[in-house]
N, C-alpha and C. Protein backbone atom coordinates (compact mmCIF):
# COMPACT_ATOMS: atom_id res chain seq x y z
N MET A 1 -18.15 -96.78 40.05
CA MET A 1 -18.69 -97.41 41.24
C MET A 1 -20.05 -96.79 41.56
N GLY A 2 -21.05 -97.59 41.87
CA GLY A 2 -22.39 -97.10 42.10
C GLY A 2 -22.54 -96.39 43.42
N ASP A 3 -23.66 -95.67 43.51
CA ASP A 3 -23.97 -94.92 44.73
C ASP A 3 -24.02 -95.84 45.94
N ARG A 4 -24.66 -96.99 45.79
CA ARG A 4 -24.81 -97.88 46.94
C ARG A 4 -23.45 -98.38 47.43
N ASP A 5 -22.55 -98.68 46.49
CA ASP A 5 -21.22 -99.12 46.88
C ASP A 5 -20.45 -98.00 47.59
N ARG A 6 -20.54 -96.78 47.08
CA ARG A 6 -19.79 -95.67 47.66
C ARG A 6 -20.30 -95.32 49.06
N LEU A 7 -21.54 -95.65 49.36
CA LEU A 7 -22.10 -95.33 50.67
C LEU A 7 -22.19 -96.54 51.58
N ARG A 8 -21.57 -97.63 51.19
CA ARG A 8 -21.68 -98.86 51.99
C ARG A 8 -21.12 -98.67 53.39
N GLU A 9 -19.94 -98.03 53.49
CA GLU A 9 -19.35 -97.82 54.80
C GLU A 9 -20.22 -96.88 55.65
N TYR A 10 -20.73 -95.83 55.03
CA TYR A 10 -21.59 -94.89 55.73
C TYR A 10 -22.81 -95.60 56.31
N ARG A 11 -23.50 -96.38 55.49
CA ARG A 11 -24.71 -97.06 55.94
C ARG A 11 -24.41 -98.15 56.97
N GLY A 12 -23.28 -98.80 56.80
CA GLY A 12 -22.93 -99.89 57.71
C GLY A 12 -22.65 -99.44 59.13
N LYS A 13 -22.32 -98.17 59.30
CA LYS A 13 -21.99 -97.65 60.64
C LYS A 13 -23.21 -97.10 61.39
N ARG A 14 -24.38 -97.04 60.73
CA ARG A 14 -25.51 -96.33 61.30
C ARG A 14 -26.76 -97.19 61.39
N ASP A 15 -27.56 -96.93 62.43
CA ASP A 15 -28.86 -97.56 62.60
C ASP A 15 -29.91 -96.49 62.31
N PHE A 16 -30.48 -96.51 61.12
CA PHE A 16 -31.39 -95.45 60.71
C PHE A 16 -32.76 -95.55 61.38
N ARG A 17 -32.97 -96.61 62.17
CA ARG A 17 -34.18 -96.67 62.98
C ARG A 17 -34.06 -95.76 64.20
N ARG A 18 -32.82 -95.43 64.57
CA ARG A 18 -32.58 -94.57 65.72
C ARG A 18 -32.12 -93.17 65.32
N SER A 19 -31.29 -93.09 64.33
CA SER A 19 -30.70 -91.81 63.94
C SER A 19 -31.52 -91.15 62.84
N ALA A 20 -31.64 -89.81 62.92
CA ALA A 20 -32.35 -89.04 61.89
C ALA A 20 -31.46 -88.71 60.69
N GLU A 21 -30.21 -89.21 60.71
CA GLU A 21 -29.32 -88.97 59.58
C GLU A 21 -29.92 -89.57 58.31
N PRO A 22 -29.71 -88.92 57.16
CA PRO A 22 -30.28 -89.44 55.91
C PRO A 22 -29.61 -90.75 55.49
N GLU A 23 -30.42 -91.70 55.06
CA GLU A 23 -29.85 -92.97 54.60
C GLU A 23 -29.14 -92.80 53.27
N GLY A 24 -29.59 -91.82 52.51
CA GLY A 24 -28.92 -91.54 51.24
C GLY A 24 -29.60 -92.22 50.08
N ARG A 25 -29.61 -91.53 48.94
CA ARG A 25 -30.19 -92.07 47.72
C ARG A 25 -29.46 -91.46 46.54
N SER A 26 -29.59 -92.07 45.41
CA SER A 26 -28.97 -91.52 44.21
C SER A 26 -29.57 -90.15 43.91
N ALA A 27 -28.74 -89.25 43.46
CA ALA A 27 -29.22 -87.89 43.18
C ALA A 27 -28.45 -87.35 41.99
N PRO A 28 -29.11 -86.58 41.13
CA PRO A 28 -28.40 -85.99 39.99
C PRO A 28 -27.37 -84.98 40.46
N ALA A 29 -26.26 -84.89 39.75
CA ALA A 29 -25.19 -83.96 40.11
C ALA A 29 -25.21 -82.76 39.18
N ASP A 30 -26.39 -82.11 39.10
CA ASP A 30 -26.55 -80.97 38.20
C ASP A 30 -26.01 -79.70 38.85
N GLY A 31 -25.61 -78.75 38.02
CA GLY A 31 -25.16 -77.46 38.53
C GLY A 31 -23.78 -77.55 39.16
N GLU A 32 -23.40 -76.46 39.83
CA GLU A 32 -22.10 -76.43 40.49
C GLU A 32 -22.07 -77.40 41.67
N PRO A 33 -20.94 -78.05 41.93
CA PRO A 33 -20.87 -78.96 43.07
C PRO A 33 -21.04 -78.21 44.38
N ARG A 34 -21.55 -78.90 45.37
CA ARG A 34 -21.89 -78.31 46.67
C ARG A 34 -20.78 -78.59 47.69
N PHE A 35 -20.77 -77.79 48.75
CA PHE A 35 -19.94 -78.10 49.91
C PHE A 35 -20.72 -77.77 51.17
N VAL A 36 -20.34 -78.38 52.27
CA VAL A 36 -20.94 -78.07 53.57
C VAL A 36 -19.88 -78.23 54.65
N VAL A 37 -19.96 -77.37 55.66
CA VAL A 37 -19.12 -77.49 56.85
C VAL A 37 -20.06 -77.61 58.04
N GLN A 38 -19.96 -78.72 58.75
CA GLN A 38 -20.79 -78.95 59.93
C GLN A 38 -19.92 -78.97 61.17
N ILE A 39 -20.46 -78.46 62.28
CA ILE A 39 -19.80 -78.57 63.57
C ILE A 39 -20.44 -79.74 64.29
N HIS A 40 -19.60 -80.63 64.80
CA HIS A 40 -20.07 -81.91 65.34
C HIS A 40 -19.51 -82.08 66.75
N ASP A 41 -20.39 -82.02 67.73
CA ASP A 41 -20.01 -82.18 69.13
C ASP A 41 -20.19 -83.63 69.52
N ALA A 42 -19.23 -84.46 69.10
CA ALA A 42 -19.28 -85.90 69.38
C ALA A 42 -18.33 -86.21 70.54
N SER A 43 -17.61 -87.33 70.48
CA SER A 43 -16.64 -87.64 71.54
C SER A 43 -15.58 -86.57 71.62
N THR A 44 -15.26 -85.96 70.48
CA THR A 44 -14.43 -84.76 70.44
C THR A 44 -15.15 -83.73 69.57
N LEU A 45 -15.04 -82.47 69.94
CA LEU A 45 -15.67 -81.40 69.19
C LEU A 45 -14.82 -81.09 67.96
N HIS A 46 -15.43 -81.12 66.78
CA HIS A 46 -14.67 -80.91 65.55
C HIS A 46 -15.57 -80.36 64.46
N PHE A 47 -14.96 -79.99 63.35
CA PHE A 47 -15.69 -79.57 62.15
C PHE A 47 -15.61 -80.70 61.12
N ASP A 48 -16.70 -80.92 60.39
CA ASP A 48 -16.72 -81.85 59.27
C ASP A 48 -16.81 -81.05 57.98
N PHE A 49 -15.84 -81.26 57.09
CA PHE A 49 -15.74 -80.54 55.83
C PHE A 49 -16.07 -81.50 54.71
N ARG A 50 -17.09 -81.17 53.89
CA ARG A 50 -17.56 -82.11 52.88
C ARG A 50 -17.68 -81.41 51.52
N LEU A 51 -17.15 -82.06 50.49
CA LEU A 51 -17.19 -81.56 49.13
C LEU A 51 -17.92 -82.57 48.25
N GLN A 52 -18.88 -82.10 47.47
CA GLN A 52 -19.56 -82.99 46.54
C GLN A 52 -18.61 -83.42 45.43
N VAL A 53 -18.45 -84.71 45.29
CA VAL A 53 -17.69 -85.29 44.18
C VAL A 53 -18.58 -86.36 43.56
N GLY A 54 -19.15 -86.04 42.40
CA GLY A 54 -20.12 -86.95 41.80
C GLY A 54 -21.38 -87.01 42.63
N ASP A 55 -21.79 -88.22 43.04
CA ASP A 55 -23.04 -88.38 43.76
C ASP A 55 -22.86 -88.59 45.25
N VAL A 56 -21.69 -88.23 45.79
CA VAL A 56 -21.47 -88.33 47.23
C VAL A 56 -20.74 -87.07 47.73
N LEU A 57 -20.70 -86.93 49.05
CA LEU A 57 -19.90 -85.89 49.69
C LEU A 57 -18.63 -86.53 50.23
N LYS A 58 -17.48 -86.18 49.64
CA LYS A 58 -16.20 -86.60 50.20
C LYS A 58 -16.00 -85.82 51.49
N SER A 59 -15.55 -86.48 52.54
CA SER A 59 -15.59 -85.88 53.87
C SER A 59 -14.25 -85.97 54.61
N TRP A 60 -13.97 -84.90 55.36
CA TRP A 60 -12.79 -84.82 56.21
C TRP A 60 -13.19 -84.28 57.58
N SER A 61 -12.60 -84.83 58.62
CA SER A 61 -12.77 -84.29 59.96
C SER A 61 -11.63 -83.31 60.24
N ILE A 62 -11.99 -82.07 60.61
CA ILE A 62 -10.99 -81.03 60.83
C ILE A 62 -11.10 -80.57 62.28
N PRO A 63 -10.20 -81.02 63.17
CA PRO A 63 -10.32 -80.72 64.60
C PRO A 63 -10.46 -79.23 64.90
N LYS A 64 -9.66 -78.39 64.25
CA LYS A 64 -9.67 -76.96 64.55
C LYS A 64 -10.55 -76.16 63.60
N GLY A 65 -11.12 -76.81 62.61
CA GLY A 65 -12.00 -76.12 61.68
C GLY A 65 -11.25 -75.40 60.59
N PRO A 66 -11.95 -75.11 59.47
CA PRO A 66 -11.32 -74.36 58.38
C PRO A 66 -11.05 -72.92 58.80
N SER A 67 -10.01 -72.33 58.23
CA SER A 67 -9.64 -70.95 58.56
C SER A 67 -9.54 -70.13 57.29
N ASP A 68 -9.87 -68.83 57.39
CA ASP A 68 -9.69 -67.94 56.25
C ASP A 68 -8.36 -67.21 56.31
N ASP A 69 -7.47 -67.64 57.20
CA ASP A 69 -6.13 -67.07 57.32
C ASP A 69 -5.15 -67.99 56.60
N PRO A 70 -4.48 -67.51 55.54
CA PRO A 70 -3.54 -68.37 54.79
C PRO A 70 -2.40 -68.93 55.63
N HIS A 71 -2.15 -68.35 56.80
CA HIS A 71 -1.06 -68.86 57.65
C HIS A 71 -1.47 -70.09 58.46
N ASP A 72 -2.77 -70.38 58.50
CA ASP A 72 -3.26 -71.52 59.28
C ASP A 72 -3.30 -72.77 58.41
N LYS A 73 -2.59 -73.80 58.84
CA LYS A 73 -2.64 -75.09 58.16
C LYS A 73 -3.46 -76.05 59.02
N ARG A 74 -4.60 -76.44 58.52
CA ARG A 74 -5.54 -77.25 59.31
C ARG A 74 -5.44 -78.73 58.96
N LEU A 75 -5.18 -79.55 59.97
CA LEU A 75 -5.20 -81.00 59.78
C LEU A 75 -6.59 -81.43 59.36
N ALA A 76 -6.67 -82.29 58.33
CA ALA A 76 -7.93 -82.81 57.82
C ALA A 76 -7.80 -84.32 57.66
N VAL A 77 -8.59 -85.07 58.40
CA VAL A 77 -8.52 -86.54 58.39
C VAL A 77 -9.72 -87.09 57.63
N PRO A 78 -9.50 -87.84 56.54
CA PRO A 78 -10.63 -88.36 55.76
C PRO A 78 -11.53 -89.28 56.57
N THR A 79 -12.83 -89.15 56.32
CA THR A 79 -13.81 -90.07 56.88
C THR A 79 -14.58 -90.67 55.70
N GLU A 80 -15.59 -91.47 56.02
CA GLU A 80 -16.33 -92.15 54.95
C GLU A 80 -17.14 -91.16 54.12
N ASP A 81 -17.40 -91.52 52.86
CA ASP A 81 -18.26 -90.72 51.99
C ASP A 81 -19.66 -90.63 52.61
N HIS A 82 -20.29 -89.46 52.44
CA HIS A 82 -21.63 -89.23 52.94
C HIS A 82 -22.58 -88.95 51.77
N PRO A 83 -23.88 -89.20 51.93
CA PRO A 83 -24.83 -88.89 50.86
C PRO A 83 -24.99 -87.39 50.68
N LEU A 84 -25.39 -86.97 49.48
CA LEU A 84 -25.57 -85.55 49.21
C LEU A 84 -26.58 -84.91 50.17
N GLN A 85 -27.58 -85.70 50.59
CA GLN A 85 -28.61 -85.16 51.47
C GLN A 85 -28.07 -84.76 52.85
N TYR A 86 -26.83 -85.20 53.16
CA TYR A 86 -26.26 -84.87 54.47
C TYR A 86 -25.97 -83.38 54.60
N GLU A 87 -25.91 -82.67 53.48
CA GLU A 87 -25.67 -81.23 53.54
C GLU A 87 -26.71 -80.53 54.41
N GLU A 88 -27.92 -81.07 54.48
CA GLU A 88 -29.01 -80.44 55.20
C GLU A 88 -29.18 -80.97 56.62
N PHE A 89 -28.37 -81.95 57.02
CA PHE A 89 -28.60 -82.58 58.32
C PHE A 89 -28.14 -81.70 59.47
N GLU A 90 -29.05 -81.48 60.39
CA GLU A 90 -28.77 -80.76 61.62
C GLU A 90 -29.64 -81.37 62.71
N GLY A 91 -29.02 -81.76 63.82
CA GLY A 91 -29.78 -82.40 64.87
C GLY A 91 -28.87 -83.15 65.83
N VAL A 92 -29.44 -84.10 66.53
CA VAL A 92 -28.71 -84.86 67.55
C VAL A 92 -28.69 -86.33 67.17
N ILE A 93 -27.50 -86.88 67.00
CA ILE A 93 -27.32 -88.32 66.79
C ILE A 93 -27.37 -88.98 68.15
N PRO A 94 -28.18 -90.02 68.35
CA PRO A 94 -28.37 -90.61 69.68
C PRO A 94 -27.06 -91.05 70.33
N GLU A 95 -26.98 -90.86 71.63
CA GLU A 95 -25.82 -91.30 72.40
C GLU A 95 -25.66 -92.81 72.27
N GLY A 96 -24.44 -93.24 72.07
CA GLY A 96 -24.15 -94.66 71.88
C GLY A 96 -24.10 -95.07 70.43
N ASP A 97 -24.69 -94.25 69.54
CA ASP A 97 -24.59 -94.52 68.11
C ASP A 97 -23.27 -93.98 67.57
N TYR A 98 -22.89 -94.44 66.39
CA TYR A 98 -21.68 -93.93 65.75
C TYR A 98 -21.81 -92.42 65.56
N GLY A 99 -20.83 -91.67 66.06
CA GLY A 99 -20.86 -90.22 65.93
C GLY A 99 -21.88 -89.55 66.83
N GLY A 100 -22.31 -90.22 67.88
CA GLY A 100 -23.33 -89.67 68.76
C GLY A 100 -22.99 -88.26 69.23
N GLY A 101 -23.94 -87.33 69.11
CA GLY A 101 -23.72 -85.95 69.52
C GLY A 101 -24.50 -84.99 68.64
N THR A 102 -24.28 -83.71 68.87
CA THR A 102 -25.05 -82.67 68.19
C THR A 102 -24.32 -82.16 66.95
N VAL A 103 -25.10 -81.87 65.90
CA VAL A 103 -24.55 -81.40 64.62
C VAL A 103 -25.29 -80.14 64.20
N ILE A 104 -24.54 -79.10 63.79
CA ILE A 104 -25.15 -77.94 63.14
C ILE A 104 -24.47 -77.70 61.80
N VAL A 105 -25.21 -77.06 60.89
CA VAL A 105 -24.67 -76.69 59.58
C VAL A 105 -24.07 -75.29 59.72
N TRP A 106 -22.74 -75.23 59.84
CA TRP A 106 -22.08 -73.94 60.04
C TRP A 106 -22.00 -73.13 58.75
N ASP A 107 -21.74 -73.80 57.63
CA ASP A 107 -21.68 -73.10 56.35
C ASP A 107 -21.99 -74.07 55.23
N HIS A 108 -22.52 -73.56 54.13
CA HIS A 108 -22.70 -74.37 52.93
C HIS A 108 -22.80 -73.45 51.72
N GLY A 109 -22.66 -74.06 50.54
CA GLY A 109 -22.68 -73.30 49.31
C GLY A 109 -22.19 -74.15 48.18
N THR A 110 -21.58 -73.52 47.18
CA THR A 110 -21.03 -74.23 46.04
C THR A 110 -19.52 -74.00 45.96
N TYR A 111 -18.85 -74.81 45.14
CA TYR A 111 -17.42 -74.59 44.94
C TYR A 111 -17.07 -74.81 43.48
N GLN A 112 -15.95 -74.20 43.09
CA GLN A 112 -15.45 -74.31 41.71
C GLN A 112 -14.12 -75.04 41.71
N PRO A 113 -14.02 -76.22 41.09
CA PRO A 113 -12.74 -76.92 41.00
C PRO A 113 -11.73 -76.09 40.21
N LEU A 114 -10.47 -76.08 40.68
CA LEU A 114 -9.43 -75.27 40.04
C LEU A 114 -8.16 -76.05 39.73
N SER A 115 -8.16 -77.36 39.92
CA SER A 115 -6.93 -78.14 39.77
C SER A 115 -6.46 -78.19 38.32
N HIS A 116 -5.15 -78.07 38.14
CA HIS A 116 -4.51 -78.17 36.83
C HIS A 116 -3.26 -79.05 36.93
N ASP A 117 -2.84 -79.58 35.79
CA ASP A 117 -1.59 -80.32 35.80
C ASP A 117 -0.42 -79.35 35.58
N ARG A 118 0.78 -79.88 35.47
CA ARG A 118 1.96 -79.01 35.37
C ARG A 118 1.99 -78.19 34.09
N LYS A 119 1.21 -78.60 33.10
CA LYS A 119 1.15 -77.84 31.85
C LYS A 119 -0.03 -76.88 31.82
N GLY A 120 -0.71 -76.76 32.96
CA GLY A 120 -1.82 -75.83 33.04
C GLY A 120 -3.14 -76.35 32.53
N ARG A 121 -3.21 -77.64 32.23
CA ARG A 121 -4.45 -78.22 31.72
C ARG A 121 -5.35 -78.63 32.88
N PRO A 122 -6.65 -78.38 32.78
CA PRO A 122 -7.57 -78.73 33.87
C PRO A 122 -7.53 -80.23 34.17
N VAL A 123 -7.64 -80.56 35.45
CA VAL A 123 -7.68 -81.95 35.91
C VAL A 123 -9.00 -82.17 36.64
N GLY A 124 -9.66 -83.28 36.37
CA GLY A 124 -10.90 -83.60 37.06
C GLY A 124 -10.71 -83.60 38.57
N PHE A 125 -11.72 -83.15 39.29
CA PHE A 125 -11.55 -82.96 40.73
C PHE A 125 -11.28 -84.28 41.46
N GLU A 126 -12.00 -85.33 41.10
CA GLU A 126 -11.78 -86.62 41.75
C GLU A 126 -10.37 -87.13 41.45
N GLU A 127 -9.91 -86.90 40.23
CA GLU A 127 -8.55 -87.30 39.88
C GLU A 127 -7.51 -86.52 40.69
N SER A 128 -7.76 -85.22 40.88
CA SER A 128 -6.81 -84.41 41.65
C SER A 128 -6.75 -84.88 43.10
N LEU A 129 -7.88 -85.31 43.65
CA LEU A 129 -7.87 -85.85 45.02
C LEU A 129 -7.08 -87.16 45.07
N GLU A 130 -7.25 -87.99 44.07
CA GLU A 130 -6.50 -89.25 44.02
C GLU A 130 -5.00 -88.99 43.97
N HIS A 131 -4.60 -87.90 43.30
CA HIS A 131 -3.18 -87.54 43.21
C HIS A 131 -2.68 -86.84 44.46
N GLY A 132 -3.59 -86.45 45.34
CA GLY A 132 -3.18 -85.90 46.63
C GLY A 132 -3.10 -84.39 46.72
N HIS A 133 -3.63 -83.69 45.73
CA HIS A 133 -3.64 -82.22 45.82
C HIS A 133 -4.77 -81.67 44.98
N ALA A 134 -5.65 -80.90 45.62
CA ALA A 134 -6.80 -80.32 44.92
C ALA A 134 -6.98 -78.87 45.33
N ARG A 135 -7.22 -78.02 44.34
CA ARG A 135 -7.49 -76.61 44.60
C ARG A 135 -8.93 -76.31 44.18
N PHE A 136 -9.56 -75.39 44.90
CA PHE A 136 -10.96 -75.09 44.63
C PHE A 136 -11.31 -73.73 45.25
N ARG A 137 -12.36 -73.13 44.70
CA ARG A 137 -12.83 -71.84 45.21
C ARG A 137 -14.19 -72.04 45.87
N LEU A 138 -14.27 -71.71 47.15
CA LEU A 138 -15.52 -71.83 47.90
C LEU A 138 -16.38 -70.59 47.72
N LYS A 139 -17.67 -70.84 47.57
CA LYS A 139 -18.65 -69.75 47.50
C LYS A 139 -19.77 -70.06 48.48
N GLY A 140 -19.49 -69.80 49.75
CA GLY A 140 -20.43 -70.10 50.80
C GLY A 140 -20.97 -68.84 51.46
N ALA A 141 -21.77 -69.02 52.51
CA ALA A 141 -22.29 -67.89 53.26
C ALA A 141 -21.20 -67.28 54.14
N LYS A 142 -20.22 -68.10 54.56
CA LYS A 142 -19.18 -67.64 55.47
C LYS A 142 -17.78 -67.81 54.88
N LEU A 143 -17.55 -68.90 54.17
CA LEU A 143 -16.25 -69.16 53.58
C LEU A 143 -16.24 -68.76 52.11
N HIS A 144 -15.24 -67.98 51.72
CA HIS A 144 -15.11 -67.53 50.34
C HIS A 144 -13.65 -67.64 49.91
N GLY A 145 -13.43 -67.82 48.64
CA GLY A 145 -12.07 -67.77 48.11
C GLY A 145 -11.46 -69.13 47.88
N GLU A 146 -10.19 -69.09 47.49
CA GLU A 146 -9.49 -70.29 47.06
C GLU A 146 -8.86 -71.03 48.23
N TYR A 147 -9.01 -72.35 48.21
CA TYR A 147 -8.43 -73.24 49.22
C TYR A 147 -7.73 -74.39 48.52
N ALA A 148 -6.89 -75.09 49.28
CA ALA A 148 -6.21 -76.28 48.76
C ALA A 148 -6.24 -77.38 49.80
N LEU A 149 -6.48 -78.59 49.35
CA LEU A 149 -6.36 -79.80 50.17
C LEU A 149 -5.15 -80.58 49.67
N THR A 150 -4.22 -80.89 50.58
CA THR A 150 -3.00 -81.59 50.20
C THR A 150 -2.77 -82.78 51.13
N ARG A 151 -2.60 -83.95 50.54
CA ARG A 151 -2.31 -85.15 51.34
C ARG A 151 -0.82 -85.16 51.68
N PHE A 152 -0.51 -85.33 52.96
CA PHE A 152 0.90 -85.38 53.35
C PHE A 152 1.27 -86.70 54.03
N ARG A 153 0.30 -87.55 54.26
CA ARG A 153 0.64 -88.85 54.86
C ARG A 153 -0.40 -89.87 54.42
N GLY A 154 0.05 -91.08 54.14
CA GLY A 154 -0.85 -92.16 53.77
C GLY A 154 -1.22 -92.10 52.30
N GLY A 155 -2.26 -92.81 51.96
CA GLY A 155 -2.68 -92.88 50.57
C GLY A 155 -2.85 -94.33 50.16
N LYS A 156 -3.09 -94.54 48.88
CA LYS A 156 -3.35 -95.90 48.40
C LYS A 156 -2.20 -96.85 48.68
N ASP A 157 -0.97 -96.33 48.57
CA ASP A 157 0.18 -97.20 48.77
C ASP A 157 0.81 -97.00 50.15
N GLY A 158 0.15 -96.20 50.99
CA GLY A 158 0.70 -95.93 52.32
C GLY A 158 0.42 -97.07 53.28
N ASP A 159 1.10 -97.05 54.41
CA ASP A 159 0.93 -98.12 55.40
C ASP A 159 0.19 -97.61 56.63
N GLY A 160 -0.49 -96.48 56.52
CA GLY A 160 -1.23 -95.95 57.65
C GLY A 160 -2.39 -95.11 57.16
N GLY A 161 -3.12 -94.51 58.10
CA GLY A 161 -4.25 -93.68 57.73
C GLY A 161 -3.81 -92.41 57.03
N GLU A 162 -4.69 -91.91 56.17
CA GLU A 162 -4.39 -90.70 55.45
C GLU A 162 -4.52 -89.47 56.33
N SER A 163 -3.70 -88.47 56.06
CA SER A 163 -3.83 -87.15 56.68
C SER A 163 -3.63 -86.10 55.59
N TRP A 164 -4.43 -85.06 55.65
CA TRP A 164 -4.38 -83.97 54.68
C TRP A 164 -4.23 -82.65 55.42
N LEU A 165 -3.92 -81.60 54.67
CA LEU A 165 -3.94 -80.24 55.18
C LEU A 165 -4.92 -79.42 54.34
N LEU A 166 -5.74 -78.62 55.02
CA LEU A 166 -6.61 -77.67 54.36
C LEU A 166 -6.05 -76.27 54.61
N VAL A 167 -5.77 -75.54 53.53
CA VAL A 167 -5.12 -74.23 53.67
C VAL A 167 -5.81 -73.22 52.74
N LYS A 168 -6.02 -72.01 53.23
CA LYS A 168 -6.49 -70.91 52.37
C LYS A 168 -5.36 -70.51 51.44
N ALA A 169 -5.70 -70.21 50.18
CA ALA A 169 -4.67 -69.85 49.21
C ALA A 169 -3.87 -68.66 49.70
N GLY A 170 -2.55 -68.79 49.67
CA GLY A 170 -1.67 -67.77 50.23
C GLY A 170 -1.71 -66.45 49.50
N GLY A 171 -2.18 -66.44 48.24
CA GLY A 171 -2.20 -65.21 47.48
C GLY A 171 -3.34 -64.28 47.85
N GLU A 172 -4.24 -64.76 48.73
CA GLU A 172 -5.38 -63.94 49.10
C GLU A 172 -5.19 -63.39 50.50
N ARG A 173 -5.60 -62.14 50.68
CA ARG A 173 -5.41 -61.48 51.97
C ARG A 173 -6.31 -62.09 53.03
N ALA A 174 -5.75 -62.32 54.20
CA ALA A 174 -6.53 -62.88 55.30
C ALA A 174 -7.51 -61.85 55.82
N HIS A 175 -8.67 -62.33 56.24
CA HIS A 175 -9.65 -61.45 56.86
C HIS A 175 -9.37 -61.27 58.35
N GLY A 176 -8.54 -62.12 58.91
CA GLY A 176 -8.17 -61.99 60.31
C GLY A 176 -9.12 -62.64 61.27
N ARG A 177 -10.13 -63.36 60.76
CA ARG A 177 -11.10 -63.96 61.67
C ARG A 177 -10.68 -65.36 62.11
N GLY A 178 -9.93 -66.04 61.28
CA GLY A 178 -9.55 -67.40 61.62
C GLY A 178 -10.78 -68.29 61.67
N THR A 179 -10.91 -69.06 62.74
CA THR A 179 -12.03 -69.97 62.92
C THR A 179 -12.84 -69.54 64.14
N PRO A 180 -14.16 -69.58 64.07
CA PRO A 180 -14.98 -69.15 65.21
C PRO A 180 -14.94 -70.15 66.35
N ASP A 181 -15.32 -69.68 67.53
CA ASP A 181 -15.50 -70.56 68.68
C ASP A 181 -16.67 -71.48 68.36
N PRO A 182 -16.45 -72.80 68.23
CA PRO A 182 -17.54 -73.68 67.82
C PRO A 182 -18.71 -73.70 68.79
N ARG A 183 -18.47 -73.41 70.06
CA ARG A 183 -19.56 -73.41 71.04
C ARG A 183 -20.49 -72.21 70.84
N ARG A 184 -19.95 -71.14 70.28
CA ARG A 184 -20.74 -69.93 70.08
C ARG A 184 -21.20 -69.77 68.64
N ALA A 185 -20.64 -70.54 67.75
CA ALA A 185 -20.98 -70.44 66.33
C ALA A 185 -22.44 -70.79 66.10
N ARG A 186 -23.04 -70.15 65.09
CA ARG A 186 -24.44 -70.37 64.79
C ARG A 186 -24.62 -71.03 63.43
N SER A 187 -25.66 -71.83 63.35
CA SER A 187 -26.00 -72.52 62.11
C SER A 187 -26.37 -71.52 61.02
N VAL A 188 -25.92 -71.80 59.80
CA VAL A 188 -26.27 -70.94 58.68
C VAL A 188 -27.70 -71.19 58.21
N THR A 189 -28.31 -72.30 58.63
CA THR A 189 -29.67 -72.62 58.20
C THR A 189 -30.72 -72.28 59.24
N SER A 190 -30.41 -72.46 60.53
CA SER A 190 -31.42 -72.23 61.57
C SER A 190 -31.06 -71.10 62.53
N GLY A 191 -29.80 -70.64 62.49
CA GLY A 191 -29.37 -69.59 63.41
C GLY A 191 -29.12 -70.09 64.83
N ARG A 192 -29.19 -71.40 65.05
CA ARG A 192 -29.02 -71.94 66.40
C ARG A 192 -27.58 -72.35 66.68
N THR A 193 -27.23 -72.37 67.97
CA THR A 193 -25.94 -72.89 68.43
C THR A 193 -26.08 -74.39 68.69
N LEU A 194 -24.94 -75.04 68.95
CA LEU A 194 -24.98 -76.46 69.32
C LEU A 194 -25.87 -76.68 70.54
N ALA A 195 -25.74 -75.82 71.56
CA ALA A 195 -26.52 -75.98 72.79
C ALA A 195 -28.01 -75.83 72.52
N GLN A 196 -28.37 -74.90 71.64
CA GLN A 196 -29.78 -74.70 71.34
C GLN A 196 -30.37 -75.87 70.57
N VAL A 197 -29.60 -76.44 69.64
CA VAL A 197 -30.07 -77.62 68.91
C VAL A 197 -30.27 -78.79 69.87
N ALA A 198 -29.33 -78.98 70.78
CA ALA A 198 -29.44 -80.07 71.75
C ALA A 198 -30.64 -79.86 72.66
N ALA A 199 -30.87 -78.61 73.09
CA ALA A 199 -32.00 -78.32 73.97
C ALA A 199 -33.34 -78.54 73.25
N ASP A 200 -33.41 -78.12 72.00
CA ASP A 200 -34.63 -78.32 71.22
C ASP A 200 -34.93 -79.80 71.03
N ASP A 201 -33.87 -80.59 70.80
CA ASP A 201 -34.04 -82.03 70.61
C ASP A 201 -34.56 -82.69 71.91
N ALA A 202 -34.05 -82.21 73.05
CA ALA A 202 -34.45 -82.79 74.33
C ALA A 202 -35.92 -82.54 74.64
N ARG A 203 -36.49 -81.48 74.06
CA ARG A 203 -37.89 -81.15 74.32
C ARG A 203 -38.85 -82.00 73.50
N LYS A 204 -38.33 -82.68 72.48
CA LYS A 204 -39.21 -83.48 71.62
C LYS A 204 -39.81 -84.67 72.37
């Protein structure tokens, strides 16, 4: 499926004459795949977790945010695919637009796919997501180590929306930090909080 098809839902929800969000374009998928975690103060405050799969960012909304504590099971609700350029987006989506509110880049980096089948043979990451369970190692500025995404409701043959769980691998010791207060958390790219990004935007 082409880039334009994979981003059709993303583009259809946005007015790029008003929003500074990237419209998206085809991009080479060289090197290790990327990930980004954004904090999004929209109608509800939440974290957006995005993993590069091919030429798009597969995306999940995580109300409580990712945790580095293996005891925390975080609900992750799939959203539409985003363009790779969204990794760098930080700013304010206009009120009244889809997803209107402030966005900061809380963490980003690369990840290593780790999914295997029952015989220990590597499985392609997109295929592992289709099967409903994917393991990967994050190498970010804030998040490190092995995580797993597991679908527990919905799917291609389901009769409702999909729901997943994001969990830190249980074999790794917790750092004890859990998830930061999103109101006080700072961007990994600009060092600003949500309030500071909103204030800077208002001055433009």
